[in-house]
Amino acid sequence: MHTFTKQQRQGGAKYQPRTLVGNWSEEVNLQRSALQEFLQQKQAGALKVDRFQERMRVALAEVEMTKIRDDPYVHFGDVLQLVHVDTGAVLSVDVEDKDPCPGELSCAACASTELRVPLARNTLLIAKYVPSQSTPLDPQWSDDVLHYGQKMRLLANPMAQAEPLDAAGGEQPLALYSRPISVNCAARYSRHQLVAYTWKPTSYDSVWQVCAGQPGTAHSSSSMFWALLLQWQVA
């Protein structure tokens, strides 16, 4: 079925294929501008697909778990993983998944059972916690060996932020922290206790203490029992 214009039905001249109708010049210029902008973004690596590929390249860079000294203990500065004993999930960080709340300099912590190979996003560094005022409740050890009862901070591998690996966690250390459930603080999906990474390493929320698990009760009574994936031991 053919549709004819009023001009055609009245016997007027017909449009030819080369006829330009409407704002044809403006539309051609817009198409050229869009193509030129696309080519500029592609050349600069600013396309969404380029940013995603760069994000994956940084996060999934393979890392070797190393230790600073050849002995059977865990040391500050060792590269390690934190693994859930029951599920085998490895704790990871997503530096691009930032908290949108104002003033919250934090990003998401997650766990995966698929990628257990040591990568930039799922390896950690142990940093010593030094309180501003020493108290009997915070015993200090002078060596670099991690002891039971000692407080520490768990820092994300700075390679996850495209920074070189160092014992300090990079120029902007990203520390694992947790907060109890409250009206305005909970995990995003499970609504359980919040666990994430923060760029505020001086906050006491990012201080952890090494405790010995109770045999026979630690695995059965809690699904959040984690262990250091190392072939070494805590002093």
Protein backbone atom coordinates (compact mmCIF):
# COMPACT_ATOMS: atom_id res chain seq x y z
CA MET A 1 0.00 0.00 0.00
CA HIS A 2 1.46 3.33 -1.07
CA THR A 3 0.99 6.54 0.88
CA PHE A 4 0.88 9.69 -1.21
CA THR A 5 1.17 13.25 -0.04
CA LYS A 6 -1.50 15.86 -0.71
CA GLN A 7 0.80 17.44 -3.28
CA GLN A 8 1.13 14.14 -5.15
CA ARG A 9 -2.62 13.47 -5.11
CA GLN A 10 -3.21 16.88 -6.66
CA GLY A 11 -0.79 16.11 -9.50
CA GLY A 12 2.10 18.15 -8.25
CA ALA A 13 5.78 17.41 -8.70
CA LYS A 14 7.16 14.37 -6.92
CA TYR A 15 10.13 14.33 -4.57
CA GLN A 16 13.37 13.07 -6.08
CA PRO A 17 15.83 10.85 -4.08
CA ARG A 18 18.30 13.74 -3.90
CA THR A 19 15.75 16.12 -2.37
CA LEU A 20 16.77 17.48 1.07
CA VAL A 21 13.84 17.94 3.45
CA GLY A 22 13.68 19.75 6.81
CA ASN A 23 16.76 20.79 8.83
CA TRP A 24 19.01 18.52 6.79
CA SER A 25 22.10 20.66 7.26
CA GLU A 26 21.71 20.75 11.03
CA GLU A 27 21.20 16.98 11.18
CA VAL A 28 24.31 16.34 9.07
CA ASN A 29 26.39 18.61 11.31
CA LEU A 30 25.07 16.88 14.43
CA GLN A 31 26.01 13.47 13.02
CA ARG A 32 29.48 14.73 12.14
CA SER A 33 29.93 16.25 15.61
CA ALA A 34 28.82 13.01 17.30
CA LEU A 35 31.25 10.97 15.18
CA GLN A 36 34.10 13.42 15.88
CA GLU A 37 33.40 13.30 19.63
CA PHE A 38 33.36 9.50 19.55
CA LEU A 39 36.71 9.37 17.74
CA GLN A 40 38.25 11.83 20.21
CA GLN A 41 37.04 9.79 23.21
CA LYS A 42 38.28 6.58 21.61
CA GLN A 43 41.70 8.10 21.00
CA ALA A 44 41.89 9.39 24.58
CA GLY A 45 40.63 6.09 26.05
CA ALA A 46 37.62 7.83 27.63
CA LEU A 47 34.91 5.50 26.32
CA LYS A 48 32.92 3.50 28.87
CA VAL A 49 34.25 0.25 27.47
CA ASP A 50 37.82 1.55 27.74
CA ARG A 51 37.30 2.62 31.36
CA PHE A 52 35.78 -0.76 32.18
CA GLN A 53 38.67 -2.63 30.58
CA GLU A 54 41.18 -0.49 32.48
CA ARG A 55 39.27 -1.11 35.71
CA MET A 56 39.38 -4.87 35.14
CA ARG A 57 43.06 -4.75 34.18
CA VAL A 58 43.97 -3.06 37.47
CA ALA A 59 41.67 -5.10 39.72
CA LEU A 60 42.51 -8.50 38.21
CA ALA A 61 46.28 -8.07 38.05
CA GLU A 62 47.87 -11.21 39.47
CA VAL A 63 49.83 -10.83 42.72
CA GLU A 64 52.22 -13.16 44.47
CA MET A 65 51.61 -13.69 48.19
CA THR A 66 54.95 -12.96 49.80
CA LYS A 67 56.43 -12.59 53.26
CA ILE A 68 59.19 -10.31 54.46
CA ARG A 69 61.08 -13.04 56.34
CA ASP A 70 61.51 -16.76 55.88
CA ASP A 71 60.06 -18.08 59.13
CA PRO A 72 56.75 -19.72 60.15
CA TYR A 73 55.09 -16.50 61.39
CA VAL A 74 52.89 -13.76 59.96
CA HIS A 75 54.57 -10.35 59.74
CA PHE A 76 53.48 -6.79 59.21
CA GLY A 77 53.97 -6.13 55.52
CA ASP A 78 53.20 -9.67 54.34
CA VAL A 79 50.87 -9.99 51.34
CA LEU A 80 48.02 -12.33 52.24
CA GLN A 81 44.36 -13.19 51.66
CA LEU A 82 41.41 -13.35 54.04
CA VAL A 83 39.31 -16.46 53.38
CA HIS A 84 36.01 -17.62 54.86
CA VAL A 85 36.63 -21.00 56.45
CA ASP A 86 33.21 -22.51 55.69
CA THR A 87 32.50 -21.18 52.17
CA GLY A 88 36.02 -20.61 50.88
CA ALA A 89 35.09 -17.08 49.74
CA VAL A 90 37.97 -14.62 49.45
CA LEU A 91 37.53 -11.06 50.72
CA SER A 92 37.86 -8.50 47.91
CA VAL A 93 37.63 -4.75 47.43
CA ASP A 94 35.89 -2.74 44.71
CA VAL A 95 37.42 0.74 44.72
CA GLU A 96 34.96 1.96 42.06
CA ASP A 97 31.87 1.06 44.12
CA LYS A 98 32.03 4.10 46.40
CA ASP A 99 29.57 5.07 49.12
CA PRO A 100 27.40 7.91 47.73
CA CYS A 101 26.72 9.40 51.17
CA PRO A 102 28.46 12.76 51.72
CA GLY A 103 31.56 12.52 53.88
CA GLU A 104 31.75 8.72 53.65
CA LEU A 105 35.11 8.06 52.03
CA SER A 106 34.53 4.35 51.65
CA CYS A 107 34.01 1.67 49.03
CA ALA A 108 32.48 -1.78 48.93
CA ALA A 109 33.93 -4.98 50.35
CA CYS A 110 32.73 -8.23 48.83
CA ALA A 111 33.66 -11.91 48.72
CA SER A 112 33.98 -14.34 45.84
CA THR A 113 34.30 -18.10 45.60
CA GLU A 114 35.08 -17.98 41.86
CA LEU A 115 38.37 -16.04 41.86
CA ARG A 116 40.63 -17.41 44.57
CA VAL A 117 43.83 -16.70 42.66
CA PRO A 118 45.79 -13.90 44.43
CA LEU A 119 44.86 -10.69 42.63
CA ALA A 120 45.24 -6.98 43.30
CA ARG A 121 41.65 -6.71 44.56
CA ASN A 122 41.66 -9.73 46.92
CA THR A 123 45.03 -9.42 48.68
CA LEU A 124 45.76 -7.54 51.90
CA LEU A 125 48.56 -6.05 53.93
CA ILE A 126 48.78 -6.04 57.73
CA ALA A 127 49.64 -2.71 59.36
CA LYS A 128 50.49 -2.26 63.01
CA TYR A 129 48.07 -0.24 65.13
CA VAL A 130 49.77 2.38 67.27
CA PRO A 131 47.38 4.15 69.71
CA SER A 132 47.74 7.85 70.36
CA GLN A 133 48.07 7.09 74.09
CA SER A 134 49.52 3.82 75.33
CA THR A 135 47.39 1.96 77.89
CA PRO A 136 47.70 -1.45 79.60
CA LEU A 137 44.76 -2.59 77.45
CA ASP A 138 46.82 -2.10 74.30
CA PRO A 139 50.06 -4.06 74.75
CA GLN A 140 52.74 -3.27 72.24
CA TRP A 141 55.37 -5.57 70.74
CA SER A 142 58.59 -4.19 69.35
CA ASP A 143 59.06 -6.82 66.63
CA ASP A 144 57.29 -7.09 63.27
CA VAL A 145 55.62 -10.44 64.04
CA LEU A 146 51.84 -10.57 64.47
CA HIS A 147 50.86 -11.80 67.97
CA TYR A 148 47.59 -13.08 69.43
CA GLY A 149 45.77 -10.25 71.19
CA GLN A 150 47.58 -7.62 69.12
CA LYS A 151 45.57 -4.92 67.38
CA MET A 152 46.15 -4.20 63.73
CA ARG A 153 44.72 -2.74 60.54
CA LEU A 154 44.01 -4.66 57.33
CA LEU A 155 44.94 -2.58 54.28
CA ALA A 156 43.89 -3.28 50.73
CA ASN A 157 46.66 -3.97 48.28
CA PRO A 158 47.58 -0.54 46.82
CA MET A 159 47.81 -2.21 43.40
CA ALA A 160 43.98 -2.23 43.42
CA GLN A 161 44.25 1.57 43.17
CA ALA A 162 46.91 1.38 40.43
CA GLU A 163 49.65 2.25 42.94
CA PRO A 164 52.92 0.38 43.53
CA LEU A 165 52.98 -2.21 46.29
CA ASP A 166 54.46 -1.06 49.60
CA ALA A 167 54.02 -1.96 53.26
CA ALA A 168 52.24 1.34 54.04
CA GLY A 169 49.33 0.63 51.72
CA GLY A 170 50.18 3.27 49.14
CA GLU A 171 49.69 7.04 49.13
CA GLN A 172 46.03 6.69 50.16
CA PRO A 173 45.75 3.57 52.36
CA LEU A 174 42.42 1.78 52.11
CA ALA A 175 41.59 0.06 55.41
CA LEU A 176 38.99 -2.59 56.16
CA TYR A 177 36.46 -1.38 58.73
CA SER A 178 33.19 -2.42 60.32
CA ARG A 179 30.35 -0.73 62.19
CA PRO A 180 27.51 -2.22 64.23
CA ILE A 181 23.95 -2.14 62.90
CA SER A 182 22.11 1.11 63.53
CA VAL A 183 19.24 3.09 62.03
CA ASN A 184 21.45 4.65 59.36
CA CYS A 185 24.24 2.07 59.11
CA ALA A 186 23.91 -1.48 57.77
CA ALA A 187 25.07 -3.64 54.91
CA ARG A 188 23.53 -2.67 51.59
CA TYR A 189 21.81 -5.95 50.72
CA SER A 190 21.81 -8.23 53.77
CA ARG A 191 21.16 -5.38 56.25
CA HIS A 192 23.62 -7.07 58.61
CA GLN A 193 26.65 -5.43 60.19
CA LEU A 194 28.46 -3.17 57.76
CA VAL A 195 31.89 -4.27 56.51
CA ALA A 196 33.64 -2.11 53.92
CA TYR A 197 36.87 -0.29 53.11
CA THR A 198 37.58 3.30 54.06
CA TRP A 199 40.08 5.98 53.10
CA LYS A 200 40.04 7.12 56.75
CA PRO A 201 42.68 4.78 58.22
CA THR A 202 42.86 6.79 61.45
CA SER A 203 39.31 5.79 62.39
CA TYR A 204 39.09 3.26 65.21
CA ASP A 205 36.43 1.42 63.17
CA SER A 206 39.31 0.01 61.11
CA VAL A 207 41.18 -1.49 64.11
CA TRP A 208 41.04 -5.28 64.41
CA GLN A 209 42.36 -7.66 67.05
CA VAL A 210 43.79 -11.13 66.52
CA CYS A 211 41.92 -13.66 68.68
CA ALA A 212 42.33 -17.40 68.90
CA GLY A 213 39.25 -19.35 67.86
CA GLN A 214 37.69 -21.80 70.26
CA PRO A 215 38.01 -25.36 68.89
CA GLY A 216 34.66 -26.97 68.18
CA THR A 217 32.63 -23.77 68.54
CA ALA A 218 34.14 -21.18 66.22
CA HIS A 219 33.00 -22.83 62.98
CA SER A 220 29.60 -24.02 64.17
CA SER A 221 28.38 -20.94 66.02
CA SER A 222 29.40 -18.26 63.55
CA SER A 223 29.29 -18.12 59.77
CA MET A 224 31.63 -15.12 59.77
CA PHE A 225 34.74 -16.95 60.95
CA TRP A 226 37.63 -15.93 58.75
CA ALA A 227 41.22 -17.14 58.58
CA LEU A 228 44.43 -15.86 57.09
CA LEU A 229 45.20 -17.88 53.98
CA LEU A 230 48.83 -18.51 54.78
CA GLN A 231 51.04 -21.46 55.49
CA TRP A 232 52.38 -19.64 58.53
CA GLN A 233 51.10 -19.02 62.02
CA VAL A 234 50.44 -16.17 64.40
CA ALA A 235 52.92 -15.90 67.25
